Amino acid sequence: MIDWTTLIAYVSIVLGFVFIPGPATLLTVARATSSGTRVGIATGAGIAAGDVIHTFTAIVGISAIIAASATLFSIVKYLGAAYLVFLGIQAIIAKSPSDPAAARSVLITPQTAFRQAIVAEVLNPKTALFFLAFLPQFVDSGNGLVALQLAIFGTIFVLLGLLSTVIFAVSAGRLGNFLRRNPTVLKWQGKIVGGIYCALGIRLALQER
């Protein structure tokens, strides 16, 4: 069993990570502000699902293979960057509604937001490397199966990350409901959200291992 000292230290560090605004937070806030709380929560859930996949790849060694291969790392990185930029361009060129009633008819669905968030998170090799480098630091072979410990730490990270994105989604969703009553905001929200996605894609493309 994992000792309580290690577990408490791990949870404290992870809480610091997940509540510091980063790419996951920006994606969630952008979706919640533009399309509502449910879409924001769905985005956070998609990110969490992507992190579950990253935990699995770290356990079975796929993340290590990606980390060891500059070519594989670059392929995953550029695919992820291209996907984010694609989503951004879609949002930028989409026709902006002129009133709140019309805006409701063109909002992205929670299902679509969930799927897009999974893909965006899975295609982020920096997250894969984070799980590969971070989780093993708390593993002690004397505490039992290493794979089980990695799974436990990964699950804790996913749950705390989901908690943080839900909190951000609820806050941003309420703000978005207020802002979307303004015709000027409706006109520019798609371009702003699209710009955020494009910026995240470019940031990912420029990152090194």
N, C-alpha and C. Protein backbone atom coordinates (compact mmCIF):
# COMPACT_ATOMS: atom_id res chain seq x y z
N MET A 1 0.84 -1.21 0.00
CA MET A 1 0.00 0.00 0.00
C MET A 1 0.87 1.26 0.00
N ILE A 2 0.36 2.29 -0.63
CA ILE A 2 1.06 3.58 -0.64
C ILE A 2 0.93 4.21 0.74
N ASP A 3 2.04 4.65 1.30
CA ASP A 3 1.97 5.24 2.65
C ASP A 3 1.32 6.62 2.59
N TRP A 4 0.72 7.01 3.72
CA TRP A 4 -0.06 8.25 3.77
C TRP A 4 0.80 9.50 3.55
N THR A 5 2.04 9.47 4.00
CA THR A 5 2.91 10.62 3.83
C THR A 5 3.12 10.92 2.35
N THR A 6 3.42 9.87 1.59
CA THR A 6 3.61 10.02 0.15
C THR A 6 2.32 10.48 -0.52
N LEU A 7 1.21 9.89 -0.11
CA LEU A 7 -0.08 10.22 -0.72
C LEU A 7 -0.46 11.68 -0.47
N ILE A 8 -0.27 12.14 0.75
CA ILE A 8 -0.60 13.53 1.09
C ILE A 8 0.30 14.50 0.33
N ALA A 9 1.58 14.18 0.25
CA ALA A 9 2.52 15.03 -0.50
C ALA A 9 2.13 15.08 -1.97
N TYR A 10 1.78 13.94 -2.52
CA TYR A 10 1.38 13.87 -3.94
C TYR A 10 0.13 14.71 -4.20
N VAL A 11 -0.88 14.53 -3.38
CA VAL A 11 -2.13 15.27 -3.56
C VAL A 11 -1.89 16.78 -3.45
N SER A 12 -1.05 17.19 -2.51
CA SER A 12 -0.77 18.62 -2.32
C SER A 12 -0.10 19.21 -3.57
N ILE A 13 0.85 18.48 -4.13
CA ILE A 13 1.56 18.96 -5.32
C ILE A 13 0.62 19.01 -6.52
N VAL A 14 -0.20 17.95 -6.68
CA VAL A 14 -1.12 17.90 -7.81
C VAL A 14 -2.15 19.03 -7.73
N LEU A 15 -2.64 19.31 -6.53
CA LEU A 15 -3.59 20.42 -6.38
C LEU A 15 -2.98 21.73 -6.86
N GLY A 16 -1.70 21.92 -6.57
CA GLY A 16 -1.02 23.11 -7.06
C GLY A 16 -0.95 23.14 -8.57
N PHE A 17 -0.70 21.97 -9.17
CA PHE A 17 -0.62 21.89 -10.63
C PHE A 17 -1.96 22.22 -11.30
N VAL A 18 -3.01 21.54 -10.85
CA VAL A 18 -4.28 21.61 -11.58
C VAL A 18 -5.01 22.93 -11.40
N PHE A 19 -4.70 23.66 -10.32
CA PHE A 19 -5.40 24.93 -10.12
C PHE A 19 -4.58 26.13 -10.60
N ILE A 20 -3.40 25.87 -11.16
CA ILE A 20 -2.65 26.93 -11.83
C ILE A 20 -3.09 26.95 -13.29
N PRO A 21 -3.64 28.07 -13.78
CA PRO A 21 -4.14 28.10 -15.16
C PRO A 21 -3.10 27.65 -16.17
N GLY A 22 -3.50 26.71 -17.02
CA GLY A 22 -2.64 26.20 -18.07
C GLY A 22 -3.47 25.92 -19.31
N PRO A 23 -2.94 25.18 -20.28
CA PRO A 23 -3.69 24.89 -21.52
C PRO A 23 -5.05 24.25 -21.26
N ALA A 24 -5.13 23.28 -20.34
CA ALA A 24 -6.40 22.63 -20.05
C ALA A 24 -7.42 23.63 -19.53
N THR A 25 -6.97 24.51 -18.66
CA THR A 25 -7.86 25.54 -18.10
C THR A 25 -8.34 26.48 -19.20
N LEU A 26 -7.42 26.90 -20.07
CA LEU A 26 -7.78 27.82 -21.15
C LEU A 26 -8.81 27.21 -22.09
N LEU A 27 -8.60 25.93 -22.44
CA LEU A 27 -9.56 25.25 -23.31
C LEU A 27 -10.93 25.19 -22.66
N THR A 28 -10.95 24.84 -21.39
CA THR A 28 -12.22 24.72 -20.66
C THR A 28 -12.92 26.06 -20.54
N VAL A 29 -12.18 27.07 -20.14
CA VAL A 29 -12.76 28.41 -19.98
C VAL A 29 -13.27 28.96 -21.31
N ALA A 30 -12.50 28.75 -22.37
CA ALA A 30 -12.91 29.24 -23.70
C ALA A 30 -14.22 28.60 -24.12
N ARG A 31 -14.35 27.29 -23.93
CA ARG A 31 -15.58 26.59 -24.31
C ARG A 31 -16.75 26.99 -23.41
N ALA A 32 -16.50 27.09 -22.10
CA ALA A 32 -17.59 27.44 -21.18
C ALA A 32 -18.08 28.85 -21.43
N THR A 33 -17.17 29.76 -21.69
CA THR A 33 -17.56 31.15 -21.91
C THR A 33 -18.36 31.31 -23.19
N SER A 34 -17.97 30.59 -24.23
CA SER A 34 -18.63 30.76 -25.53
C SER A 34 -19.87 29.90 -25.69
N SER A 35 -19.91 28.72 -25.04
CA SER A 35 -21.02 27.79 -25.28
C SER A 35 -21.74 27.31 -24.03
N GLY A 36 -21.34 27.79 -22.86
CA GLY A 36 -22.08 27.46 -21.65
C GLY A 36 -21.38 26.49 -20.72
N THR A 37 -21.93 26.39 -19.51
CA THR A 37 -21.32 25.57 -18.46
C THR A 37 -21.24 24.10 -18.84
N ARG A 38 -22.32 23.55 -19.41
CA ARG A 38 -22.32 22.12 -19.76
C ARG A 38 -21.22 21.79 -20.75
N VAL A 39 -21.01 22.67 -21.71
CA VAL A 39 -19.95 22.44 -22.71
C VAL A 39 -18.58 22.55 -22.05
N GLY A 40 -18.45 23.48 -21.11
CA GLY A 40 -17.19 23.61 -20.39
C GLY A 40 -16.88 22.37 -19.57
N ILE A 41 -17.91 21.86 -18.88
CA ILE A 41 -17.72 20.64 -18.09
C ILE A 41 -17.40 19.46 -19.00
N ALA A 42 -18.06 19.39 -20.16
CA ALA A 42 -17.78 18.31 -21.12
C ALA A 42 -16.35 18.40 -21.62
N THR A 43 -15.86 19.62 -21.80
CA THR A 43 -14.47 19.80 -22.22
C THR A 43 -13.53 19.30 -21.13
N GLY A 44 -13.82 19.66 -19.88
CA GLY A 44 -13.00 19.18 -18.77
C GLY A 44 -13.03 17.66 -18.67
N ALA A 45 -14.21 17.07 -18.90
CA ALA A 45 -14.32 15.61 -18.86
C ALA A 45 -13.52 14.97 -19.98
N GLY A 46 -13.51 15.62 -21.15
CA GLY A 46 -12.72 15.10 -22.26
C GLY A 46 -11.22 15.15 -21.97
N ILE A 47 -10.80 16.24 -21.34
CA ILE A 47 -9.39 16.36 -20.94
C ILE A 47 -9.05 15.27 -19.93
N ALA A 48 -9.96 15.02 -18.98
CA ALA A 48 -9.74 13.97 -17.98
C ALA A 48 -9.64 12.60 -18.65
N ALA A 49 -10.49 12.35 -19.64
CA ALA A 49 -10.44 11.08 -20.36
C ALA A 49 -9.11 10.94 -21.10
N GLY A 50 -8.64 12.05 -21.67
CA GLY A 50 -7.34 12.03 -22.33
C GLY A 50 -6.22 11.73 -21.35
N ASP A 51 -6.34 12.25 -20.13
CA ASP A 51 -5.32 11.99 -19.11
C ASP A 51 -5.36 10.53 -18.63
N VAL A 52 -6.54 9.92 -18.66
CA VAL A 52 -6.63 8.50 -18.35
C VAL A 52 -5.82 7.70 -19.38
N ILE A 53 -5.94 8.10 -20.64
CA ILE A 53 -5.18 7.43 -21.70
C ILE A 53 -3.68 7.65 -21.49
N HIS A 54 -3.29 8.87 -21.10
CA HIS A 54 -1.88 9.14 -20.84
C HIS A 54 -1.36 8.30 -19.67
N THR A 55 -2.20 8.12 -18.66
CA THR A 55 -1.80 7.27 -17.53
C THR A 55 -1.55 5.84 -18.01
N PHE A 56 -2.45 5.35 -18.84
CA PHE A 56 -2.30 3.99 -19.37
C PHE A 56 -1.03 3.86 -20.21
N THR A 57 -0.76 4.85 -21.06
CA THR A 57 0.43 4.78 -21.92
C THR A 57 1.71 4.86 -21.09
N ALA A 58 1.65 5.59 -19.96
CA ALA A 58 2.82 5.65 -19.08
C ALA A 58 3.05 4.30 -18.41
N ILE A 59 1.96 3.62 -18.03
CA ILE A 59 2.08 2.33 -17.35
C ILE A 59 2.63 1.26 -18.28
N VAL A 60 2.14 1.23 -19.52
CA VAL A 60 2.54 0.16 -20.44
C VAL A 60 3.81 0.49 -21.21
N GLY A 61 4.32 1.71 -21.09
CA GLY A 61 5.60 2.04 -21.70
C GLY A 61 5.53 2.78 -23.02
N ILE A 62 4.32 3.10 -23.49
CA ILE A 62 4.20 3.81 -24.77
C ILE A 62 4.77 5.22 -24.66
N SER A 63 4.52 5.87 -23.54
CA SER A 63 5.06 7.22 -23.34
C SER A 63 6.58 7.22 -23.40
N ALA A 64 7.19 6.17 -22.85
CA ALA A 64 8.65 6.07 -22.87
C ALA A 64 9.17 5.95 -24.30
N ILE A 65 8.43 5.22 -25.14
CA ILE A 65 8.83 5.07 -26.54
C ILE A 65 8.76 6.42 -27.25
N ILE A 66 7.68 7.17 -26.99
CA ILE A 66 7.54 8.49 -27.61
C ILE A 66 8.64 9.43 -27.12
N ALA A 67 8.95 9.34 -25.83
CA ALA A 67 9.98 10.21 -25.26
C ALA A 67 11.36 9.90 -25.84
N ALA A 68 11.59 8.63 -26.15
CA ALA A 68 12.91 8.22 -26.65
C ALA A 68 13.09 8.50 -28.14
N SER A 69 12.00 8.73 -28.85
CA SER A 69 12.08 8.95 -30.29
C SER A 69 11.73 10.40 -30.64
N ALA A 70 12.72 11.12 -31.14
CA ALA A 70 12.48 12.51 -31.53
C ALA A 70 11.46 12.58 -32.66
N THR A 71 11.49 11.59 -33.55
CA THR A 71 10.57 11.57 -34.69
C THR A 71 9.13 11.37 -34.22
N LEU A 72 8.90 10.36 -33.36
CA LEU A 72 7.56 10.11 -32.86
C LEU A 72 7.04 11.29 -32.06
N PHE A 73 7.90 11.86 -31.23
CA PHE A 73 7.51 13.02 -30.43
C PHE A 73 7.05 14.16 -31.35
N SER A 74 7.82 14.42 -32.40
CA SER A 74 7.49 15.51 -33.33
C SER A 74 6.20 15.23 -34.07
N ILE A 75 5.98 13.97 -34.48
CA ILE A 75 4.76 13.63 -35.20
C ILE A 75 3.54 13.89 -34.33
N VAL A 76 3.57 13.39 -33.08
CA VAL A 76 2.44 13.60 -32.17
C VAL A 76 2.25 15.08 -31.88
N LYS A 77 3.36 15.77 -31.66
CA LYS A 77 3.30 17.20 -31.34
C LYS A 77 2.65 18.00 -32.47
N TYR A 78 3.10 17.76 -33.70
CA TYR A 78 2.57 18.54 -34.82
C TYR A 78 1.13 18.15 -35.16
N LEU A 79 0.78 16.89 -34.95
CA LEU A 79 -0.62 16.50 -35.14
C LEU A 79 -1.50 17.24 -34.13
N GLY A 80 -1.06 17.28 -32.88
CA GLY A 80 -1.82 17.99 -31.85
C GLY A 80 -1.92 19.48 -32.14
N ALA A 81 -0.81 20.07 -32.57
CA ALA A 81 -0.81 21.50 -32.89
C ALA A 81 -1.74 21.79 -34.07
N ALA A 82 -1.66 20.94 -35.09
CA ALA A 82 -2.50 21.14 -36.28
C ALA A 82 -3.98 21.01 -35.92
N TYR A 83 -4.30 20.09 -35.02
CA TYR A 83 -5.70 19.90 -34.63
C TYR A 83 -6.22 21.13 -33.89
N LEU A 84 -5.43 21.66 -32.98
CA LEU A 84 -5.85 22.86 -32.26
C LEU A 84 -6.02 24.06 -33.19
N VAL A 85 -5.09 24.22 -34.11
CA VAL A 85 -5.19 25.33 -35.07
C VAL A 85 -6.42 25.14 -35.96
N PHE A 86 -6.68 23.89 -36.36
CA PHE A 86 -7.87 23.60 -37.18
C PHE A 86 -9.14 24.01 -36.45
N LEU A 87 -9.25 23.63 -35.17
CA LEU A 87 -10.42 24.02 -34.38
C LEU A 87 -10.51 25.54 -34.25
N GLY A 88 -9.35 26.18 -34.09
CA GLY A 88 -9.32 27.63 -33.98
C GLY A 88 -9.80 28.32 -35.23
N ILE A 89 -9.32 27.86 -36.37
CA ILE A 89 -9.73 28.46 -37.65
C ILE A 89 -11.22 28.25 -37.89
N GLN A 90 -11.72 27.05 -37.54
CA GLN A 90 -13.15 26.80 -37.66
C GLN A 90 -13.96 27.82 -36.87
N ALA A 91 -13.52 28.09 -35.64
CA ALA A 91 -14.24 29.04 -34.78
C ALA A 91 -14.15 30.46 -35.33
N ILE A 92 -12.99 30.81 -35.89
CA ILE A 92 -12.79 32.17 -36.39
C ILE A 92 -13.65 32.46 -37.61
N ILE A 93 -13.74 31.48 -38.53
CA ILE A 93 -14.45 31.73 -39.79
C ILE A 93 -15.95 31.44 -39.68
N ALA A 94 -16.37 30.83 -38.56
CA ALA A 94 -17.80 30.54 -38.40
C ALA A 94 -18.59 31.85 -38.35
N LYS A 95 -19.79 31.82 -38.91
CA LYS A 95 -20.63 33.01 -38.93
C LYS A 95 -21.07 33.37 -37.52
N SER A 96 -20.85 34.61 -37.13
CA SER A 96 -21.21 35.06 -35.78
C SER A 96 -22.69 35.42 -35.73
N PRO A 97 -23.43 34.91 -34.72
CA PRO A 97 -24.85 35.27 -34.57
C PRO A 97 -24.98 36.71 -34.12
N SER A 98 -26.10 37.31 -34.44
CA SER A 98 -26.30 38.72 -34.11
C SER A 98 -27.16 38.94 -32.87
N ASP A 99 -27.81 37.87 -32.37
CA ASP A 99 -28.62 38.02 -31.17
C ASP A 99 -28.56 36.75 -30.35
N PRO A 100 -28.89 36.82 -29.05
CA PRO A 100 -28.80 35.67 -28.15
C PRO A 100 -29.61 34.46 -28.61
N ALA A 101 -30.80 34.69 -29.19
CA ALA A 101 -31.63 33.57 -29.64
C ALA A 101 -30.93 32.79 -30.75
N ALA A 102 -30.33 33.51 -31.68
CA ALA A 102 -29.60 32.86 -32.77
C ALA A 102 -28.35 32.18 -32.25
N ALA A 103 -27.73 32.77 -31.24
CA ALA A 103 -26.50 32.21 -30.69
C ALA A 103 -26.73 30.82 -30.11
N ARG A 104 -27.87 30.63 -29.46
CA ARG A 104 -28.16 29.33 -28.85
C ARG A 104 -28.24 28.22 -29.88
N SER A 105 -28.63 28.56 -31.10
CA SER A 105 -28.79 27.54 -32.14
C SER A 105 -27.46 27.09 -32.75
N VAL A 106 -26.38 27.85 -32.53
CA VAL A 106 -25.10 27.49 -33.14
C VAL A 106 -24.05 27.09 -32.10
N LEU A 107 -24.48 26.95 -30.83
CA LEU A 107 -23.53 26.56 -29.80
C LEU A 107 -23.04 25.14 -30.05
N ILE A 108 -21.79 24.90 -29.74
CA ILE A 108 -21.23 23.57 -29.85
C ILE A 108 -21.89 22.66 -28.81
N THR A 109 -22.10 21.39 -29.15
CA THR A 109 -22.75 20.47 -28.21
C THR A 109 -21.74 19.91 -27.22
N PRO A 110 -22.20 19.50 -26.03
CA PRO A 110 -21.28 18.89 -25.06
C PRO A 110 -20.58 17.65 -25.62
N GLN A 111 -21.30 16.85 -26.43
CA GLN A 111 -20.71 15.65 -27.00
C GLN A 111 -19.53 15.99 -27.91
N THR A 112 -19.71 17.01 -28.75
CA THR A 112 -18.63 17.43 -29.64
C THR A 112 -17.46 17.99 -28.85
N ALA A 113 -17.76 18.80 -27.84
CA ALA A 113 -16.70 19.38 -27.01
C ALA A 113 -15.92 18.28 -26.30
N PHE A 114 -16.62 17.25 -25.83
CA PHE A 114 -15.97 16.12 -25.14
C PHE A 114 -15.01 15.42 -26.09
N ARG A 115 -15.46 15.10 -27.29
CA ARG A 115 -14.62 14.40 -28.26
C ARG A 115 -13.40 15.24 -28.65
N GLN A 116 -13.64 16.51 -28.90
CA GLN A 116 -12.53 17.39 -29.30
C GLN A 116 -11.48 17.51 -28.19
N ALA A 117 -11.94 17.57 -26.95
CA ALA A 117 -11.01 17.71 -25.83
C ALA A 117 -10.17 16.44 -25.66
N ILE A 118 -10.77 15.29 -25.87
CA ILE A 118 -10.02 14.03 -25.77
C ILE A 118 -8.89 14.02 -26.80
N VAL A 119 -9.24 14.34 -28.04
CA VAL A 119 -8.23 14.33 -29.12
C VAL A 119 -7.12 15.33 -28.84
N ALA A 120 -7.51 16.54 -28.44
CA ALA A 120 -6.51 17.58 -28.16
C ALA A 120 -5.56 17.16 -27.04
N GLU A 121 -6.10 16.53 -26.00
CA GLU A 121 -5.28 16.13 -24.86
C GLU A 121 -4.38 14.93 -25.21
N VAL A 122 -4.93 13.97 -25.92
CA VAL A 122 -4.15 12.78 -26.29
C VAL A 122 -3.00 13.16 -27.21
N LEU A 123 -3.23 14.14 -28.10
CA LEU A 123 -2.20 14.53 -29.06
C LEU A 123 -1.25 15.60 -28.50
N ASN A 124 -1.20 15.70 -27.19
CA ASN A 124 -0.24 16.61 -26.55
C ASN A 124 0.89 15.78 -25.93
N PRO A 125 2.02 15.65 -26.62
CA PRO A 125 3.10 14.81 -26.09
C PRO A 125 3.72 15.35 -24.82
N LYS A 126 3.58 16.66 -24.57
CA LYS A 126 4.11 17.23 -23.33
C LYS A 126 3.38 16.64 -22.13
N THR A 127 2.08 16.40 -22.29
CA THR A 127 1.33 15.78 -21.20
C THR A 127 1.80 14.34 -20.99
N ALA A 128 2.04 13.63 -22.09
CA ALA A 128 2.54 12.26 -21.98
C ALA A 128 3.87 12.23 -21.23
N LEU A 129 4.76 13.16 -21.56
CA LEU A 129 6.06 13.22 -20.90
C LEU A 129 5.92 13.62 -19.44
N PHE A 130 4.94 14.47 -19.17
CA PHE A 130 4.70 14.88 -17.78
C PHE A 130 4.32 13.66 -16.93
N PHE A 131 3.38 12.86 -17.43
CA PHE A 131 2.97 11.67 -16.70
C PHE A 131 4.14 10.70 -16.55
N LEU A 132 4.94 10.58 -17.60
CA LEU A 132 6.08 9.66 -17.57
C LEU A 132 7.12 10.10 -16.55
N ALA A 133 7.34 11.40 -16.43
CA ALA A 133 8.38 11.92 -15.53
C ALA A 133 7.88 12.13 -14.11
N PHE A 134 6.60 12.52 -13.98
CA PHE A 134 6.09 12.93 -12.68
C PHE A 134 5.62 11.76 -11.81
N LEU A 135 4.80 10.89 -12.36
CA LEU A 135 4.22 9.82 -11.55
C LEU A 135 5.25 8.90 -10.91
N PRO A 136 6.29 8.46 -11.66
CA PRO A 136 7.25 7.52 -11.05
C PRO A 136 8.01 8.08 -9.85
N GLN A 137 8.05 9.41 -9.70
CA GLN A 137 8.77 10.00 -8.57
C GLN A 137 8.15 9.60 -7.22
N PHE A 138 6.88 9.20 -7.24
CA PHE A 138 6.18 8.86 -6.00
C PHE A 138 6.01 7.36 -5.83
N VAL A 139 6.54 6.60 -6.78
CA VAL A 139 6.41 5.14 -6.72
C VAL A 139 7.55 4.56 -5.89
N ASP A 140 7.19 3.63 -5.02
CA ASP A 140 8.18 2.91 -4.20
C ASP A 140 7.93 1.42 -4.42
N SER A 141 8.93 0.74 -4.95
CA SER A 141 8.77 -0.69 -5.24
C SER A 141 8.42 -1.50 -3.99
N GLY A 142 8.74 -0.96 -2.83
CA GLY A 142 8.42 -1.65 -1.60
C GLY A 142 6.95 -1.56 -1.22
N ASN A 143 6.20 -0.72 -1.94
CA ASN A 143 4.78 -0.54 -1.63
C ASN A 143 3.87 -1.41 -2.49
N GLY A 144 4.45 -2.36 -3.23
CA GLY A 144 3.63 -3.24 -4.04
C GLY A 144 3.86 -3.06 -5.53
N LEU A 145 2.90 -3.51 -6.32
CA LEU A 145 3.03 -3.47 -7.77
C LEU A 145 3.22 -2.03 -8.26
N VAL A 146 4.25 -1.83 -9.06
CA VAL A 146 4.53 -0.49 -9.59
C VAL A 146 3.41 -0.03 -10.49
N ALA A 147 2.90 -0.92 -11.34
CA ALA A 147 1.82 -0.56 -12.26
C ALA A 147 0.57 -0.11 -11.50
N LEU A 148 0.27 -0.79 -10.39
CA LEU A 148 -0.90 -0.42 -9.60
C LEU A 148 -0.70 0.94 -8.95
N GLN A 149 0.50 1.21 -8.46
CA GLN A 149 0.78 2.52 -7.87
C GLN A 149 0.65 3.63 -8.92
N LEU A 150 1.18 3.38 -10.12
CA LEU A 150 1.06 4.37 -11.20
C LEU A 150 -0.41 4.62 -11.54
N ALA A 151 -1.20 3.54 -11.54
CA ALA A 151 -2.63 3.68 -11.85
C ALA A 151 -3.34 4.51 -10.78
N ILE A 152 -2.98 4.28 -9.52
CA ILE A 152 -3.60 5.03 -8.41
C ILE A 152 -3.22 6.51 -8.50
N PHE A 153 -1.93 6.78 -8.71
CA PHE A 153 -1.50 8.18 -8.80
C PHE A 153 -2.12 8.86 -10.02
N GLY A 154 -2.19 8.13 -11.13
CA GLY A 154 -2.80 8.69 -12.33
C GLY A 154 -4.26 8.99 -12.13
N THR A 155 -4.98 8.11 -11.45
CA THR A 155 -6.40 8.31 -11.19
C THR A 155 -6.63 9.52 -10.30
N ILE A 156 -5.80 9.67 -9.29
CA ILE A 156 -5.91 10.84 -8.40
C ILE A 156 -5.69 12.12 -9.20
N PHE A 157 -4.69 12.11 -10.07
CA PHE A 157 -4.41 13.30 -10.89
C PHE A 157 -5.61 13.62 -11.78
N VAL A 158 -6.18 12.59 -12.40
CA VAL A 158 -7.32 12.80 -13.30
C VAL A 158 -8.51 13.38 -12.53
N LEU A 159 -8.81 12.84 -11.36
CA LEU A 159 -9.96 13.30 -10.58
C LEU A 159 -9.78 14.74 -10.08
N LEU A 160 -8.57 15.06 -9.61
CA LEU A 160 -8.32 16.42 -9.15
C LEU A 160 -8.32 17.40 -10.32
N GLY A 161 -7.79 16.95 -11.46
CA GLY A 161 -7.82 17.79 -12.65
C GLY A 161 -9.23 18.05 -13.11
N LEU A 162 -10.08 17.01 -13.05
CA LEU A 162 -11.49 17.18 -13.42
C LEU A 162 -12.19 18.13 -12.46
N LEU A 163 -11.88 18.03 -11.18
CA LEU A 163 -12.46 18.95 -10.19
C LEU A 163 -12.12 20.39 -10.53
N SER A 164 -10.87 20.63 -10.89
CA SER A 164 -10.45 22.01 -11.18
C SER A 164 -11.13 22.53 -12.45
N THR A 165 -11.22 21.70 -13.49
CA THR A 165 -11.84 22.17 -14.74
C THR A 165 -13.34 22.39 -14.56
N VAL A 166 -13.99 21.59 -13.71
CA VAL A 166 -15.41 21.80 -13.45
C VAL A 166 -15.61 23.14 -12.75
N ILE A 167 -14.77 23.44 -11.77
CA ILE A 167 -14.88 24.72 -11.06
C ILE A 167 -14.68 25.89 -12.03
N PHE A 168 -13.64 25.78 -12.88
CA PHE A 168 -13.40 26.83 -13.88
C PHE A 168 -14.55 26.92 -14.87
N ALA A 169 -15.11 25.77 -15.26
CA ALA A 169 -16.20 25.75 -16.24
C ALA A 169 -17.45 26.42 -15.68
N VAL A 170 -17.77 26.14 -14.43
CA VAL A 170 -18.96 26.73 -13.82
C VAL A 170 -18.80 28.26 -13.71
N SER A 171 -17.62 28.69 -13.30
CA SER A 171 -17.38 30.14 -13.16
C SER A 171 -17.42 30.82 -14.53
N ALA A 172 -16.73 30.23 -15.52
CA ALA A 172 -16.69 30.83 -16.85
C ALA A 172 -18.05 30.75 -17.53
N GLY A 173 -18.80 29.68 -17.26
CA GLY A 173 -20.12 29.55 -17.86
C GLY A 173 -21.07 30.64 -17.40
N ARG A 174 -21.01 30.95 -16.13
CA ARG A 174 -21.86 32.03 -15.61
C ARG A 174 -21.48 33.37 -16.22
N LEU A 175 -20.18 33.59 -16.33
CA LEU A 175 -19.73 34.84 -16.96
C LEU A 175 -20.15 34.88 -18.42
N GLY A 176 -20.03 33.73 -19.10
CA GLY A 176 -20.40 33.66 -20.51
C GLY A 176 -21.88 33.93 -20.73
N ASN A 177 -22.74 33.43 -19.83
CA ASN A 177 -24.18 33.68 -19.95
C ASN A 177 -24.48 35.17 -19.91
N PHE A 178 -23.75 35.88 -19.08
CA PHE A 178 -23.92 37.33 -18.98
C PHE A 178 -23.39 38.03 -20.24
N LEU A 179 -22.19 37.62 -20.67
CA LEU A 179 -21.55 38.28 -21.81
C LEU A 179 -22.31 38.06 -23.12
N ARG A 180 -22.90 36.87 -23.27
CA ARG A 180 -23.56 36.55 -24.53
C ARG A 180 -24.84 37.34 -24.76
N ARG A 181 -25.26 38.10 -23.76
CA ARG A 181 -26.41 38.99 -23.96
C ARG A 181 -26.02 40.25 -24.72
N ASN A 182 -24.72 40.46 -24.84
CA ASN A 182 -24.20 41.65 -25.51
C ASN A 182 -23.91 41.32 -26.98
N PRO A 183 -24.55 42.00 -27.94
CA PRO A 183 -24.35 41.72 -29.35
C PRO A 183 -22.89 41.84 -29.79
N THR A 184 -22.15 42.76 -29.20
CA THR A 184 -20.74 42.92 -29.57
C THR A 184 -19.93 41.70 -29.15
N VAL A 185 -20.23 41.18 -27.97
CA VAL A 185 -19.55 39.97 -27.49
C VAL A 185 -19.88 38.79 -28.40
N LEU A 186 -21.16 38.67 -28.78
CA LEU A 186 -21.58 37.59 -29.67
C LEU A 186 -20.82 37.64 -30.99
N LYS A 187 -20.59 38.85 -31.46
CA LYS A 187 -19.91 39.02 -32.74
C LYS A 187 -18.47 38.56 -32.69
N TRP A 188 -17.81 38.79 -31.56
CA TRP A 188 -16.37 38.54 -31.47
C TRP A 188 -15.99 37.28 -30.70
N GLN A 189 -16.95 36.64 -30.02
CA GLN A 189 -16.57 35.52 -29.16
C GLN A 189 -15.95 34.36 -29.93
N GLY A 190 -16.49 34.07 -31.12
CA GLY A 190 -15.94 32.98 -31.91
C GLY A 190 -14.50 33.24 -32.32
N LYS A 191 -14.23 34.48 -32.68
CA LYS A 191 -12.86 34.85 -33.10
C LYS A 191 -11.90 34.80 -31.90
N ILE A 192 -12.39 35.20 -30.73
CA ILE A 192 -11.54 35.16 -29.53
C ILE A 192 -11.23 33.73 -29.14
N VAL A 193 -12.28 32.89 -29.12
CA VAL A 193 -12.08 31.47 -28.79
C VAL A 193 -11.17 30.81 -29.82
N GLY A 194 -11.41 31.13 -31.09
CA GLY A 194 -10.56 30.58 -32.14
C GLY A 194 -9.12 31.02 -32.00
N GLY A 195 -8.94 32.28 -31.61
CA GLY A 195 -7.58 32.79 -31.39
C GLY A 195 -6.88 32.06 -30.26
N ILE A 196 -7.63 31.72 -29.21
CA ILE A 196 -7.05 30.98 -28.08
C ILE A 196 -6.59 29.60 -28.54
N TYR A 197 -7.44 28.93 -29.30
CA TYR A 197 -7.09 27.60 -29.80
C TYR A 197 -5.86 27.67 -30.71
N CYS A 198 -5.84 28.65 -31.62
CA CYS A 198 -4.69 28.79 -32.52
C CYS A 198 -3.41 29.07 -31.72
N ALA A 199 -3.52 29.93 -30.71
CA ALA A 199 -2.36 30.26 -29.89
C ALA A 199 -1.84 29.03 -29.16
N LEU A 200 -2.75 28.21 -28.64
CA LEU A 200 -2.34 26.99 -27.95
C LEU A 200 -1.68 26.01 -28.93
N GLY A 201 -2.21 25.95 -30.15
CA GLY A 201 -1.61 25.09 -31.16
C GLY A 201 -0.22 25.53 -31.54
N ILE A 202 -0.03 26.82 -31.72
CA ILE A 202 1.31 27.36 -32.07
C ILE A 202 2.25 27.14 -30.91
N ARG A 203 1.76 27.36 -29.69
CA ARG A 203 2.61 27.14 -28.50
C ARG A 203 3.07 25.69 -28.44
N LEU A 204 2.17 24.76 -28.72
CA LEU A 204 2.53 23.34 -28.70
C LEU A 204 3.56 23.03 -29.77
N ALA A 205 3.35 23.60 -30.97
CA ALA A 205 4.27 23.32 -32.08
C ALA A 205 5.68 23.82 -31.79
N LEU A 206 5.79 24.91 -31.04
CA LEU A 206 7.09 25.51 -30.79
C LEU A 206 7.81 24.90 -29.58
N GLN A 207 7.10 24.09 -28.79
CA GLN A 207 7.70 23.53 -27.60
C GLN A 207 8.71 22.43 -27.95
N GLU A 208 9.75 22.37 -27.16
CA GLU A 208 10.75 21.29 -27.29
C GLU A 208 10.47 20.25 -26.22
N ARG A 209 11.15 19.10 -26.37
CA ARG A 209 10.97 18.04 -25.39
C ARG A 209 11.57 18.44 -24.04
